[in-house]
Amino acid sequence: MLLASLAILIGLPVLLWSAGKFVGGAASVANHFGVSPLLIGMLIIGFGTSAPEIIVSIFAAIQGNSGIALGNAYGSNIANILLILGLTAVISPIAVKSEIIKKELPVLLGITFFAVWQVWDLQVSKDDAFSLLGLFVLLLSWSIYHGMKGGKDALADEYDEEINSNEGTVKTHVMWLIAGLLLLVASSRMLVWGAVEVATFFGVSDTIIGLTVIAIGTSLPELASSLMAVKKGEHDLAIGNVIGSNMFNTLTVVGIAGTIQPMTVGAEFLYRDAMVMFASTVALFIFCIGIKRQGRLNRFEGGAFVLAYVAYTYWLVQAAFI
């Protein structure tokens, strides 16, 4: 138990630190070779903020702990919206100006609905997983099109400012990219092993561990990047990071894990966790799409998100020990 706890306490911060180095290195190398800031932001940064979830879920699936893989993806999506954006909006209301964000919100809602529909039969089969990866390819193509198209957009300007703030030589960035990836793999294995051992010790399901400890932990990069973005006045970047991360989580994290190991879920996962994920995505869509007004997430709405997350976490804890 002591070793497992240490594995989590050491593995999680190393995972988050290495993810940051991996993303920063990849973005800077791409920028050096003339890739547009919008394309870097939508692909490399969007993928990179989900790198902890992806690597953790791959190793969880390989080891047969599918509950951690699925719980990590869905739990991270819930935490990203209710906790991350909620806290960010409480500190500083988030205004949505980017037309790209307004186009991504309906796409995220559609992807989330499809994911919930997939688990309606209480499983994620290999066919389900491959269909998620197929949708990811379509999303990737759409992102590349918009990234290469360029043009003036609030989100593109904020990505440009963020990427160009990174200093250092190409050699240094390549070194951090490789080192970050290696540490991501090592720390993910450590974290999954520790989480499984702790779950076994307390007699709770690995799904609960994935939905709570690992989901919150792997969502910390989104919290840091969103708070930093709002501090700089880059509101669209704060929303964009979460939308991109949730898309990648739903399509790639679940998709890759499902191709490795088909997943079976309990009815409580569908009626509790999947529904909370869908409801929080619907709420984000309503608040930020801006029908007949500018889209925004104000302090009251952010506070409601945080309270909803606290209630959801209490629900999970109660379910784990009853």
C-alpha atoms as a PDB file:
ATOM      1  CA  MET A   1       0.000   0.000   0.000  1.00  0.00           C
ATOM      2  CA  LEU A   2       2.841   2.391   0.849  1.00  0.00           C
ATOM      3  CA  LEU A   3       4.641   1.697  -2.427  1.00  0.00           C
ATOM      4  CA  ALA A   4       1.382   2.111  -4.375  1.00  0.00           C
ATOM      5  CA  SER A   5       0.684   5.472  -2.704  1.00  0.00           C
ATOM      6  CA  LEU A   6       4.224   6.624  -3.467  1.00  0.00           C
ATOM      7  CA  ALA A   7       3.790   5.511  -7.090  1.00  0.00           C
ATOM      8  CA  ILE A   8       0.742   7.789  -7.385  1.00  0.00           C
ATOM      9  CA  LEU A   9       2.349  10.703  -5.508  1.00  0.00           C
ATOM     10  CA  ILE A  10       5.501  10.514  -7.650  1.00  0.00           C
ATOM     11  CA  GLY A  11       3.983   9.324 -10.927  1.00  0.00           C
ATOM     12  CA  LEU A  12       1.306  12.014 -11.205  1.00  0.00           C
ATOM     13  CA  PRO A  13       3.510  15.146 -10.942  1.00  0.00           C
ATOM     14  CA  VAL A  14       6.120  13.554 -13.233  1.00  0.00           C
ATOM     15  CA  LEU A  15       3.341  12.726 -15.704  1.00  0.00           C
ATOM     16  CA  LEU A  16       2.072  16.317 -15.726  1.00  0.00           C
ATOM     17  CA  TRP A  17       5.544  17.860 -15.928  1.00  0.00           C
ATOM     18  CA  SER A  18       6.629  15.570 -18.768  1.00  0.00           C
ATOM     19  CA  ALA A  19       3.374  16.262 -20.661  1.00  0.00           C
ATOM     20  CA  GLY A  20       4.103  19.982 -20.503  1.00  0.00           C
ATOM     21  CA  LYS A  21       7.641  19.485 -21.806  1.00  0.00           C
ATOM     22  CA  PHE A  22       6.398  17.178 -24.564  1.00  0.00           C
ATOM     23  CA  VAL A  23       3.726  19.658 -25.730  1.00  0.00           C
ATOM     24  CA  GLY A  24       6.045  22.664 -25.511  1.00  0.00           C
ATOM     25  CA  GLY A  25       8.791  20.892 -27.434  1.00  0.00           C
ATOM     26  CA  ALA A  26       6.451  19.651 -30.159  1.00  0.00           C
ATOM     27  CA  ALA A  27       4.791  23.046 -30.598  1.00  0.00           C
ATOM     28  CA  SER A  28       8.114  24.893 -30.801  1.00  0.00           C
ATOM     29  CA  VAL A  29       9.587  22.437 -33.323  1.00  0.00           C
ATOM     30  CA  ALA A  30       6.472  22.699 -35.502  1.00  0.00           C
ATOM     31  CA  ASN A  31       6.586  26.494 -35.262  1.00  0.00           C
ATOM     32  CA  HIS A  32      10.249  26.459 -36.345  1.00  0.00           C
ATOM     33  CA  PHE A  33       9.305  24.581 -39.524  1.00  0.00           C
ATOM     34  CA  GLY A  34       6.610  27.090 -40.433  1.00  0.00           C
ATOM     35  CA  VAL A  35       3.442  25.300 -39.302  1.00  0.00           C
ATOM     36  CA  SER A  36       0.660  27.829 -38.682  1.00  0.00           C
ATOM     37  CA  PRO A  37      -0.026  28.718 -35.023  1.00  0.00           C
ATOM     38  CA  LEU A  38      -3.711  27.768 -35.394  1.00  0.00           C
ATOM     39  CA  LEU A  39      -2.812  24.310 -36.718  1.00  0.00           C
ATOM     40  CA  ILE A  40      -0.249  23.839 -33.932  1.00  0.00           C
ATOM     41  CA  GLY A  41      -2.816  24.876 -31.360  1.00  0.00           C
ATOM     42  CA  MET A  42      -5.671  22.726 -32.658  1.00  0.00           C
ATOM     43  CA  LEU A  43      -3.555  19.605 -33.204  1.00  0.00           C
ATOM     44  CA  ILE A  44      -0.338  19.531 -31.170  1.00  0.00           C
ATOM     45  CA  ILE A  45      -1.550  21.459 -28.121  1.00  0.00           C
ATOM     46  CA  GLY A  46      -4.995  19.843 -28.273  1.00  0.00           C
ATOM     47  CA  PHE A  47      -3.449  16.389 -28.506  1.00  0.00           C
ATOM     48  CA  GLY A  48      -0.749  17.183 -25.988  1.00  0.00           C
ATOM     49  CA  THR A  49      -3.101  18.263 -23.205  1.00  0.00           C
ATOM     50  CA  SER A  50      -4.747  14.840 -23.568  1.00  0.00           C
ATOM     51  CA  ALA A  51      -1.409  13.007 -23.659  1.00  0.00           C
ATOM     52  CA  PRO A  52      -1.599  12.020 -19.943  1.00  0.00           C
ATOM     53  CA  GLU A  53      -5.077  10.520 -20.434  1.00  0.00           C
ATOM     54  CA  ILE A  54      -4.029   8.720 -23.622  1.00  0.00           C
ATOM     55  CA  ILE A  55      -0.861   7.132 -22.221  1.00  0.00           C
ATOM     56  CA  VAL A  56      -2.493   6.195 -18.896  1.00  0.00           C
ATOM     57  CA  SER A  57      -5.454   4.609 -20.667  1.00  0.00           C
ATOM     58  CA  ILE A  58      -3.255   2.649 -23.078  1.00  0.00           C
ATOM     59  CA  PHE A  59      -1.329   1.026 -20.236  1.00  0.00           C
ATOM     60  CA  ALA A  60      -4.532   0.471 -18.253  1.00  0.00           C
ATOM     61  CA  ALA A  61      -6.079  -1.347 -21.233  1.00  0.00           C
ATOM     62  CA  ILE A  62      -2.933  -3.399 -21.855  1.00  0.00           C
ATOM     63  CA  GLN A  63      -2.976  -4.516 -18.215  1.00  0.00           C
ATOM     64  CA  GLY A  64      -6.676  -5.402 -18.420  1.00  0.00           C
ATOM     65  CA  ASN A  65      -7.879  -2.497 -16.240  1.00  0.00           C
ATOM     66  CA  SER A  66     -10.442  -1.142 -18.697  1.00  0.00           C
ATOM     67  CA  GLY A  67     -12.325   0.626 -15.900  1.00  0.00           C
ATOM     68  CA  ILE A  68      -9.397   2.986 -15.405  1.00  0.00           C
ATOM     69  CA  ALA A  69      -9.210   3.689 -19.150  1.00  0.00           C
ATOM     70  CA  LEU A  70     -12.900   4.547 -19.573  1.00  0.00           C
ATOM     71  CA  GLY A  71     -13.219   6.240 -16.182  1.00  0.00           C
ATOM     72  CA  ASN A  72     -10.152   8.360 -16.924  1.00  0.00           C
ATOM     73  CA  ALA A  73     -11.588   9.601 -20.245  1.00  0.00           C
ATOM     74  CA  TYR A  74     -15.118  10.347 -19.035  1.00  0.00           C
ATOM     75  CA  GLY A  75     -13.952  11.606 -15.651  1.00  0.00           C
ATOM     76  CA  SER A  76     -11.455  13.977 -17.273  1.00  0.00           C
ATOM     77  CA  ASN A  77     -14.167  15.352 -19.565  1.00  0.00           C
ATOM     78  CA  ILE A  78     -16.420  16.024 -16.575  1.00  0.00           C
ATOM     79  CA  ALA A  79     -13.573  17.601 -14.585  1.00  0.00           C
ATOM     80  CA  ASN A  80     -12.502  19.751 -17.550  1.00  0.00           C
ATOM     81  CA  ILE A  81     -15.938  21.335 -17.885  1.00  0.00           C
ATOM     82  CA  LEU A  82     -17.316  21.472 -14.346  1.00  0.00           C
ATOM     83  CA  LEU A  83     -14.123  21.898 -12.313  1.00  0.00           C
ATOM     84  CA  ILE A  84     -11.569  23.481 -14.668  1.00  0.00           C
ATOM     85  CA  LEU A  85     -13.817  25.903 -16.559  1.00  0.00           C
ATOM     86  CA  GLY A  86     -15.941  26.419 -13.456  1.00  0.00           C
ATOM     87  CA  LEU A  87     -12.990  27.540 -11.339  1.00  0.00           C
ATOM     88  CA  THR A  88     -11.597  29.604 -14.197  1.00  0.00           C
ATOM     89  CA  ALA A  89     -14.920  31.426 -14.707  1.00  0.00           C
ATOM     90  CA  VAL A  90     -15.260  32.111 -10.965  1.00  0.00           C
ATOM     91  CA  ILE A  91     -11.844  33.806 -11.018  1.00  0.00           C
ATOM     92  CA  SER A  92     -12.528  35.665 -14.287  1.00  0.00           C
ATOM     93  CA  PRO A  93     -15.674  35.387 -16.474  1.00  0.00           C
ATOM     94  CA  ILE A  94     -14.847  33.811 -19.842  1.00  0.00           C
ATOM     95  CA  ALA A  95     -16.048  35.548 -23.021  1.00  0.00           C
ATOM     96  CA  VAL A  96     -16.180  33.548 -26.271  1.00  0.00           C
ATOM     97  CA  LYS A  97     -15.290  35.591 -29.376  1.00  0.00           C
ATOM     98  CA  SER A  98     -13.757  32.970 -31.673  1.00  0.00           C
ATOM     99  CA  GLU A  99     -15.907  31.696 -34.547  1.00  0.00           C
ATOM    100  CA  ILE A 100     -13.849  28.497 -34.511  1.00  0.00           C
ATOM    101  CA  ILE A 101     -14.894  27.836 -30.901  1.00  0.00           C
ATOM    102  CA  LYS A 102     -18.527  28.377 -31.856  1.00  0.00           C
ATOM    103  CA  LYS A 103     -18.128  25.781 -34.624  1.00  0.00           C
ATOM    104  CA  GLU A 104     -16.353  23.330 -32.307  1.00  0.00           C
ATOM    105  CA  LEU A 105     -19.016  23.421 -29.577  1.00  0.00           C
ATOM    106  CA  PRO A 106     -21.729  21.660 -31.658  1.00  0.00           C
ATOM    107  CA  VAL A 107     -19.113  19.149 -32.831  1.00  0.00           C
ATOM    108  CA  LEU A 108     -18.159  18.381 -29.211  1.00  0.00           C
ATOM    109  CA  LEU A 109     -21.839  18.003 -28.303  1.00  0.00           C
ATOM    110  CA  GLY A 110     -22.379  15.586 -31.191  1.00  0.00           C
ATOM    111  CA  ILE A 111     -19.291  13.541 -30.291  1.00  0.00           C
ATOM    112  CA  THR A 112     -20.404  13.338 -26.651  1.00  0.00           C
ATOM    113  CA  PHE A 113     -23.910  12.198 -27.654  1.00  0.00           C
ATOM    114  CA  PHE A 114     -22.377   9.514 -29.887  1.00  0.00           C
ATOM    115  CA  ALA A 115     -20.119   8.317 -27.057  1.00  0.00           C
ATOM    116  CA  VAL A 116     -23.064   8.025 -24.648  1.00  0.00           C
ATOM    117  CA  TRP A 117     -25.077   6.167 -27.286  1.00  0.00           C
ATOM    118  CA  GLN A 118     -22.194   3.722 -27.673  1.00  0.00           C
ATOM    119  CA  VAL A 119     -22.229   2.700 -23.996  1.00  0.00           C
ATOM    120  CA  TRP A 120     -26.029   2.321 -23.980  1.00  0.00           C
ATOM    121  CA  ASP A 121     -25.537  -1.454 -24.337  1.00  0.00           C
ATOM    122  CA  LEU A 122     -23.060  -1.306 -21.401  1.00  0.00           C
ATOM    123  CA  GLN A 123     -19.971  -2.027 -23.466  1.00  0.00           C
ATOM    124  CA  VAL A 124     -17.427  -0.483 -25.797  1.00  0.00           C
ATOM    125  CA  SER A 125     -16.691  -3.104 -28.424  1.00  0.00           C
ATOM    126  CA  LYS A 126     -13.815  -3.069 -30.886  1.00  0.00           C
ATOM    127  CA  ASP A 127     -16.274  -1.899 -33.572  1.00  0.00           C
ATOM    128  CA  ASP A 128     -17.274   0.991 -31.285  1.00  0.00           C
ATOM    129  CA  ALA A 129     -13.612   1.828 -30.703  1.00  0.00           C
ATOM    130  CA  PHE A 130     -12.768   1.811 -34.413  1.00  0.00           C
ATOM    131  CA  SER A 131     -15.761   4.056 -35.156  1.00  0.00           C
ATOM    132  CA  LEU A 132     -14.461   6.552 -32.564  1.00  0.00           C
ATOM    133  CA  LEU A 133     -11.042   6.518 -34.226  1.00  0.00           C
ATOM    134  CA  GLY A 134     -12.727   6.967 -37.614  1.00  0.00           C
ATOM    135  CA  LEU A 135     -14.476  10.070 -36.295  1.00  0.00           C
ATOM    136  CA  PHE A 136     -11.127  11.253 -34.981  1.00  0.00           C
ATOM    137  CA  VAL A 137      -9.661  11.022 -38.490  1.00  0.00           C
ATOM    138  CA  LEU A 138     -12.536  13.180 -39.775  1.00  0.00           C
ATOM    139  CA  LEU A 139     -11.997  15.667 -36.946  1.00  0.00           C
ATOM    140  CA  LEU A 140      -8.277  15.705 -37.682  1.00  0.00           C
ATOM    141  CA  SER A 141      -8.959  16.468 -41.353  1.00  0.00           C
ATOM    142  CA  TRP A 142     -11.357  19.264 -40.378  1.00  0.00           C
ATOM    143  CA  SER A 143      -8.775  20.734 -37.980  1.00  0.00           C
ATOM    144  CA  ILE A 144      -6.018  20.599 -40.600  1.00  0.00           C
ATOM    145  CA  TYR A 145      -8.287  22.333 -43.108  1.00  0.00           C
ATOM    146  CA  HIS A 146      -9.084  25.179 -40.708  1.00  0.00           C
ATOM    147  CA  GLY A 147      -5.484  25.357 -39.495  1.00  0.00           C
ATOM    148  CA  MET A 148      -4.072  25.667 -43.024  1.00  0.00           C
ATOM    149  CA  LYS A 149      -6.844  28.018 -44.080  1.00  0.00           C
ATOM    150  CA  GLY A 150      -5.695  30.411 -41.395  1.00  0.00           C
ATOM    151  CA  GLY A 151      -7.409  33.777 -41.487  1.00  0.00           C
ATOM    152  CA  LYS A 152      -8.142  36.213 -38.705  1.00  0.00           C
ATOM    153  CA  ASP A 153      -9.708  34.716 -35.622  1.00  0.00           C
ATOM    154  CA  ALA A 154      -9.418  35.458 -31.907  1.00  0.00           C
ATOM    155  CA  LEU A 155      -8.293  31.904 -31.187  1.00  0.00           C
ATOM    156  CA  ALA A 156      -5.586  32.005 -33.884  1.00  0.00           C
ATOM    157  CA  ASP A 157      -4.172  35.250 -32.466  1.00  0.00           C
ATOM    158  CA  GLU A 158      -4.044  33.792 -28.954  1.00  0.00           C
ATOM    159  CA  TYR A 159      -2.311  30.605 -30.143  1.00  0.00           C
ATOM    160  CA  ASP A 160       0.221  32.747 -32.037  1.00  0.00           C
ATOM    161  CA  GLU A 161       1.062  34.741 -28.907  1.00  0.00           C
ATOM    162  CA  GLU A 162       1.266  31.605 -26.755  1.00  0.00           C
ATOM    163  CA  ILE A 163       3.558  29.650 -29.119  1.00  0.00           C
ATOM    164  CA  ASN A 164       5.922  32.525 -29.870  1.00  0.00           C
ATOM    165  CA  SER A 165       6.501  33.059 -26.142  1.00  0.00           C
ATOM    166  CA  ASN A 166       8.558  29.821 -26.024  1.00  0.00           C
ATOM    167  CA  GLU A 167      12.290  30.467 -26.195  1.00  0.00           C
ATOM    168  CA  GLY A 168      15.234  28.193 -26.967  1.00  0.00           C
ATOM    169  CA  THR A 169      16.930  26.461 -29.882  1.00  0.00           C
ATOM    170  CA  VAL A 170      15.420  23.733 -32.049  1.00  0.00           C
ATOM    171  CA  LYS A 171      17.900  21.239 -30.589  1.00  0.00           C
ATOM    172  CA  THR A 172      16.694  22.055 -27.069  1.00  0.00           C
ATOM    173  CA  HIS A 173      13.032  21.702 -28.056  1.00  0.00           C
ATOM    174  CA  VAL A 174      13.679  18.326 -29.741  1.00  0.00           C
ATOM    175  CA  MET A 175      15.475  17.138 -26.611  1.00  0.00           C
ATOM    176  CA  TRP A 176      12.514  18.096 -24.406  1.00  0.00           C
ATOM    177  CA  LEU A 177      10.077  16.497 -26.849  1.00  0.00           C
ATOM    178  CA  ILE A 178      11.894  13.137 -26.641  1.00  0.00           C
ATOM    179  CA  ALA A 179      12.548  13.340 -22.895  1.00  0.00           C
ATOM    180  CA  GLY A 180       8.932  14.354 -22.248  1.00  0.00           C
ATOM    181  CA  LEU A 181       7.611  11.387 -24.212  1.00  0.00           C
ATOM    182  CA  LEU A 182       9.864   8.875 -22.425  1.00  0.00           C
ATOM    183  CA  LEU A 183       8.909  10.241 -19.007  1.00  0.00           C
ATOM    184  CA  LEU A 184       5.224  10.214 -20.006  1.00  0.00           C
ATOM    185  CA  VAL A 185       5.423   6.486 -20.668  1.00  0.00           C
ATOM    186  CA  ALA A 186       7.350   5.677 -17.491  1.00  0.00           C
ATOM    187  CA  SER A 187       5.213   7.793 -15.162  1.00  0.00           C
ATOM    188  CA  SER A 188       1.984   6.481 -16.712  1.00  0.00           C
ATOM    189  CA  ARG A 189       2.945   2.885 -15.965  1.00  0.00           C
ATOM    190  CA  MET A 190       3.825   3.874 -12.419  1.00  0.00           C
ATOM    191  CA  LEU A 191       0.530   5.731 -11.950  1.00  0.00           C
ATOM    192  CA  VAL A 192      -1.645   2.904 -13.311  1.00  0.00           C
ATOM    193  CA  TRP A 193       0.083   0.317 -11.122  1.00  0.00           C
ATOM    194  CA  GLY A 194      -0.345   2.475  -8.016  1.00  0.00           C
ATOM    195  CA  ALA A 195      -3.998   3.218  -8.783  1.00  0.00           C
ATOM    196  CA  VAL A 196      -4.856  -0.473  -9.258  1.00  0.00           C
ATOM    197  CA  GLU A 197      -3.136  -1.404  -6.012  1.00  0.00           C
ATOM    198  CA  VAL A 198      -4.937   1.329  -4.059  1.00  0.00           C
ATOM    199  CA  ALA A 199      -8.302   0.350  -5.564  1.00  0.00           C
ATOM    200  CA  THR A 200      -7.701  -3.287  -4.608  1.00  0.00           C
ATOM    201  CA  PHE A 201      -6.662  -2.340  -1.064  1.00  0.00           C
ATOM    202  CA  PHE A 202      -9.802  -0.264  -0.424  1.00  0.00           C
ATOM    203  CA  GLY A 203     -12.079  -2.663  -2.282  1.00  0.00           C
ATOM    204  CA  VAL A 204     -13.379  -0.072  -4.771  1.00  0.00           C
ATOM    205  CA  SER A 205     -13.640  -0.529  -8.511  1.00  0.00           C
ATOM    206  CA  ASP A 206     -10.873   0.657 -10.818  1.00  0.00           C
ATOM    207  CA  THR A 207     -13.551   2.698 -12.611  1.00  0.00           C
ATOM    208  CA  ILE A 208     -14.083   4.842  -9.489  1.00  0.00           C
ATOM    209  CA  ILE A 209     -10.323   5.396  -9.209  1.00  0.00           C
ATOM    210  CA  GLY A 210     -10.233   6.373 -12.893  1.00  0.00           C
ATOM    211  CA  LEU A 211     -13.161   8.786 -12.456  1.00  0.00           C
ATOM    212  CA  THR A 212     -11.678  10.522  -9.413  1.00  0.00           C
ATOM    213  CA  VAL A 213      -7.970  10.429  -8.579  1.00  0.00           C
ATOM    214  CA  ILE A 214      -6.629   9.798 -12.081  1.00  0.00           C
ATOM    215  CA  ALA A 215      -9.224  11.941 -13.888  1.00  0.00           C
ATOM    216  CA  ILE A 216      -8.588  14.976 -11.696  1.00  0.00           C
ATOM    217  CA  GLY A 217      -4.837  14.436 -11.803  1.00  0.00           C
ATOM    218  CA  THR A 218      -4.599  14.140 -15.576  1.00  0.00           C
ATOM    219  CA  SER A 219      -6.844  17.221 -15.952  1.00  0.00           C
ATOM    220  CA  LEU A 220      -4.397  19.465 -14.098  1.00  0.00           C
ATOM    221  CA  PRO A 221      -2.648  20.590 -17.333  1.00  0.00           C
ATOM    222  CA  GLU A 222      -5.996  21.970 -18.553  1.00  0.00           C
ATOM    223  CA  LEU A 223      -6.473  23.793 -15.236  1.00  0.00           C
ATOM    224  CA  ALA A 224      -3.016  25.355 -15.398  1.00  0.00           C
ATOM    225  CA  SER A 225      -3.341  26.355 -19.071  1.00  0.00           C
ATOM    226  CA  SER A 226      -6.881  27.742 -18.624  1.00  0.00           C
ATOM    227  CA  LEU A 227      -5.978  29.837 -15.583  1.00  0.00           C
ATOM    228  CA  MET A 228      -2.871  31.158 -17.336  1.00  0.00           C
ATOM    229  CA  ALA A 229      -4.852  31.943 -20.495  1.00  0.00           C
ATOM    230  CA  VAL A 230      -7.515  33.904 -18.604  1.00  0.00           C
ATOM    231  CA  LYS A 231      -4.832  35.756 -16.644  1.00  0.00           C
ATOM    232  CA  LYS A 232      -3.432  36.915 -20.002  1.00  0.00           C
ATOM    233  CA  GLY A 233      -6.922  37.785 -21.268  1.00  0.00           C
ATOM    234  CA  GLU A 234      -6.877  34.866 -23.725  1.00  0.00           C
ATOM    235  CA  HIS A 235     -10.432  33.683 -23.003  1.00  0.00           C
ATOM    236  CA  ASP A 236     -10.907  31.735 -26.223  1.00  0.00           C
ATOM    237  CA  LEU A 237      -7.733  29.782 -25.515  1.00  0.00           C
ATOM    238  CA  ALA A 238      -9.123  28.700 -22.121  1.00  0.00           C
ATOM    239  CA  ILE A 239     -12.304  27.328 -23.723  1.00  0.00           C
ATOM    240  CA  GLY A 240     -10.445  25.972 -26.755  1.00  0.00           C
ATOM    241  CA  ASN A 241      -8.038  23.910 -24.626  1.00  0.00           C
ATOM    242  CA  VAL A 242     -10.932  22.197 -22.837  1.00  0.00           C
ATOM    243  CA  ILE A 243     -12.957  21.579 -26.008  1.00  0.00           C
ATOM    244  CA  GLY A 244      -9.918  20.135 -27.780  1.00  0.00           C
ATOM    245  CA  SER A 245      -8.990  17.974 -24.803  1.00  0.00           C
ATOM    246  CA  ASN A 246     -12.528  16.582 -24.441  1.00  0.00           C
ATOM    247  CA  MET A 247     -12.698  15.738 -28.139  1.00  0.00           C
ATOM    248  CA  PHE A 248      -9.374  13.915 -27.976  1.00  0.00           C
ATOM    249  CA  ASN A 249     -10.362  12.145 -24.740  1.00  0.00           C
ATOM    250  CA  THR A 250     -13.647  10.869 -26.153  1.00  0.00           C
ATOM    251  CA  LEU A 251     -12.323   9.805 -29.538  1.00  0.00           C
ATOM    252  CA  THR A 252      -8.693   8.776 -29.033  1.00  0.00           C
ATOM    253  CA  VAL A 253      -8.440   7.806 -25.366  1.00  0.00           C
ATOM    254  CA  VAL A 254     -11.521   5.567 -25.469  1.00  0.00           C
ATOM    255  CA  GLY A 255     -10.884   4.570 -29.096  1.00  0.00           C
ATOM    256  CA  ILE A 256      -7.294   3.410 -28.598  1.00  0.00           C
ATOM    257  CA  ALA A 257      -8.057   1.686 -25.286  1.00  0.00           C
ATOM    258  CA  GLY A 258     -11.078  -0.060 -26.838  1.00  0.00           C
ATOM    259  CA  THR A 259      -9.077  -1.468 -29.734  1.00  0.00           C
ATOM    260  CA  ILE A 260      -6.609  -2.945 -27.242  1.00  0.00           C
ATOM    261  CA  GLN A 261      -9.215  -4.297 -24.815  1.00  0.00           C
ATOM    262  CA  PRO A 262     -13.031  -4.145 -25.341  1.00  0.00           C
ATOM    263  CA  MET A 263     -14.661  -2.592 -22.267  1.00  0.00           C
ATOM    264  CA  THR A 264     -17.740  -3.623 -20.292  1.00  0.00           C
ATOM    265  CA  VAL A 265     -19.379  -1.070 -18.001  1.00  0.00           C
ATOM    266  CA  GLY A 266     -21.969  -1.284 -15.258  1.00  0.00           C
ATOM    267  CA  ALA A 267     -25.423   0.273 -15.532  1.00  0.00           C
ATOM    268  CA  GLU A 268     -24.444   2.837 -12.883  1.00  0.00           C
ATOM    269  CA  PHE A 269     -21.679   4.105 -15.170  1.00  0.00           C
ATOM    270  CA  LEU A 270     -24.196   4.789 -17.939  1.00  0.00           C
ATOM    271  CA  TYR A 271     -26.868   6.417 -15.774  1.00  0.00           C
ATOM    272  CA  ARG A 272     -24.451   8.364 -13.580  1.00  0.00           C
ATOM    273  CA  ASP A 273     -21.131   9.155 -15.234  1.00  0.00           C
ATOM    274  CA  ALA A 274     -22.073   9.140 -18.929  1.00  0.00           C
ATOM    275  CA  MET A 275     -25.160  11.247 -18.214  1.00  0.00           C
ATOM    276  CA  VAL A 276     -23.210  13.748 -16.108  1.00  0.00           C
ATOM    277  CA  MET A 277     -20.659  14.074 -18.927  1.00  0.00           C
ATOM    278  CA  PHE A 278     -23.438  14.658 -21.462  1.00  0.00           C
ATOM    279  CA  ALA A 279     -25.354  17.109 -19.236  1.00  0.00           C
ATOM    280  CA  SER A 280     -22.215  19.162 -18.498  1.00  0.00           C
ATOM    281  CA  THR A 281     -21.419  19.326 -22.239  1.00  0.00           C
ATOM    282  CA  VAL A 282     -24.976  20.503 -22.987  1.00  0.00           C
ATOM    283  CA  ALA A 283     -24.649  23.190 -20.298  1.00  0.00           C
ATOM    284  CA  LEU A 284     -21.315  24.372 -21.722  1.00  0.00           C
ATOM    285  CA  PHE A 285     -22.882  24.535 -25.191  1.00  0.00           C
ATOM    286  CA  ILE A 286     -25.863  26.597 -23.985  1.00  0.00           C
ATOM    287  CA  PHE A 287     -23.748  29.074 -22.026  1.00  0.00           C
ATOM    288  CA  CYS A 288     -20.979  29.556 -24.608  1.00  0.00           C
ATOM    289  CA  ILE A 289     -22.635  29.299 -28.019  1.00  0.00           C
ATOM    290  CA  GLY A 290     -24.080  32.790 -27.608  1.00  0.00           C
ATOM    291  CA  ILE A 291     -27.558  32.633 -29.161  1.00  0.00           C
ATOM    292  CA  LYS A 292     -28.644  36.272 -29.670  1.00  0.00           C
ATOM    293  CA  ARG A 293     -25.797  37.386 -27.385  1.00  0.00           C
ATOM    294  CA  GLN A 294     -22.073  36.966 -26.982  1.00  0.00           C
ATOM    295  CA  GLY A 295     -21.193  33.546 -25.643  1.00  0.00           C
ATOM    296  CA  ARG A 296     -19.765  33.673 -22.153  1.00  0.00           C
ATOM    297  CA  LEU A 297     -19.380  31.743 -18.920  1.00  0.00           C
ATOM    298  CA  ASN A 298     -19.966  34.141 -16.016  1.00  0.00           C
ATOM    299  CA  ARG A 299     -19.090  33.768 -12.325  1.00  0.00           C
ATOM    300  CA  PHE A 300     -22.548  32.507 -11.344  1.00  0.00           C
ATOM    301  CA  GLU A 301     -22.482  29.809 -14.036  1.00  0.00           C
ATOM    302  CA  GLY A 302     -18.894  28.930 -13.138  1.00  0.00           C
ATOM    303  CA  GLY A 303     -19.856  28.611  -9.473  1.00  0.00           C
ATOM    304  CA  ALA A 304     -22.766  26.353 -10.423  1.00  0.00           C
ATOM    305  CA  PHE A 305     -20.331  24.167 -12.389  1.00  0.00           C
ATOM    306  CA  VAL A 306     -17.995  23.836  -9.387  1.00  0.00           C
ATOM    307  CA  LEU A 307     -20.865  23.002  -7.010  1.00  0.00           C
ATOM    308  CA  ALA A 308     -22.128  20.403  -9.503  1.00  0.00           C
ATOM    309  CA  TYR A 309     -18.671  18.821  -9.566  1.00  0.00           C
ATOM    310  CA  VAL A 310     -18.495  18.711  -5.770  1.00  0.00           C
ATOM    311  CA  ALA A 311     -21.924  17.024  -5.686  1.00  0.00           C
ATOM    312  CA  TYR A 312     -20.873  14.550  -8.369  1.00  0.00           C
ATOM    313  CA  THR A 313     -17.659  13.662  -6.514  1.00  0.00           C
ATOM    314  CA  TYR A 314     -19.642  13.147  -3.285  1.00  0.00           C
ATOM    315  CA  TRP A 315     -21.966  10.855  -5.247  1.00  0.00           C
ATOM    316  CA  LEU A 316     -18.981   8.821  -6.434  1.00  0.00           C
ATOM    317  CA  VAL A 317     -17.496   8.531  -2.932  1.00  0.00           C
ATOM    318  CA  GLN A 318     -20.837   7.423  -1.533  1.00  0.00           C
ATOM    319  CA  ALA A 319     -21.163   4.810  -4.283  1.00  0.00           C
ATOM    320  CA  ALA A 320     -17.635   3.533  -3.658  1.00  0.00           C
ATOM    321  CA  PHE A 321     -18.090   2.750   0.020  1.00  0.00           C
ATOM    322  CA  ILE A 322     -21.732   1.693   0.242  1.00  0.00           C
END
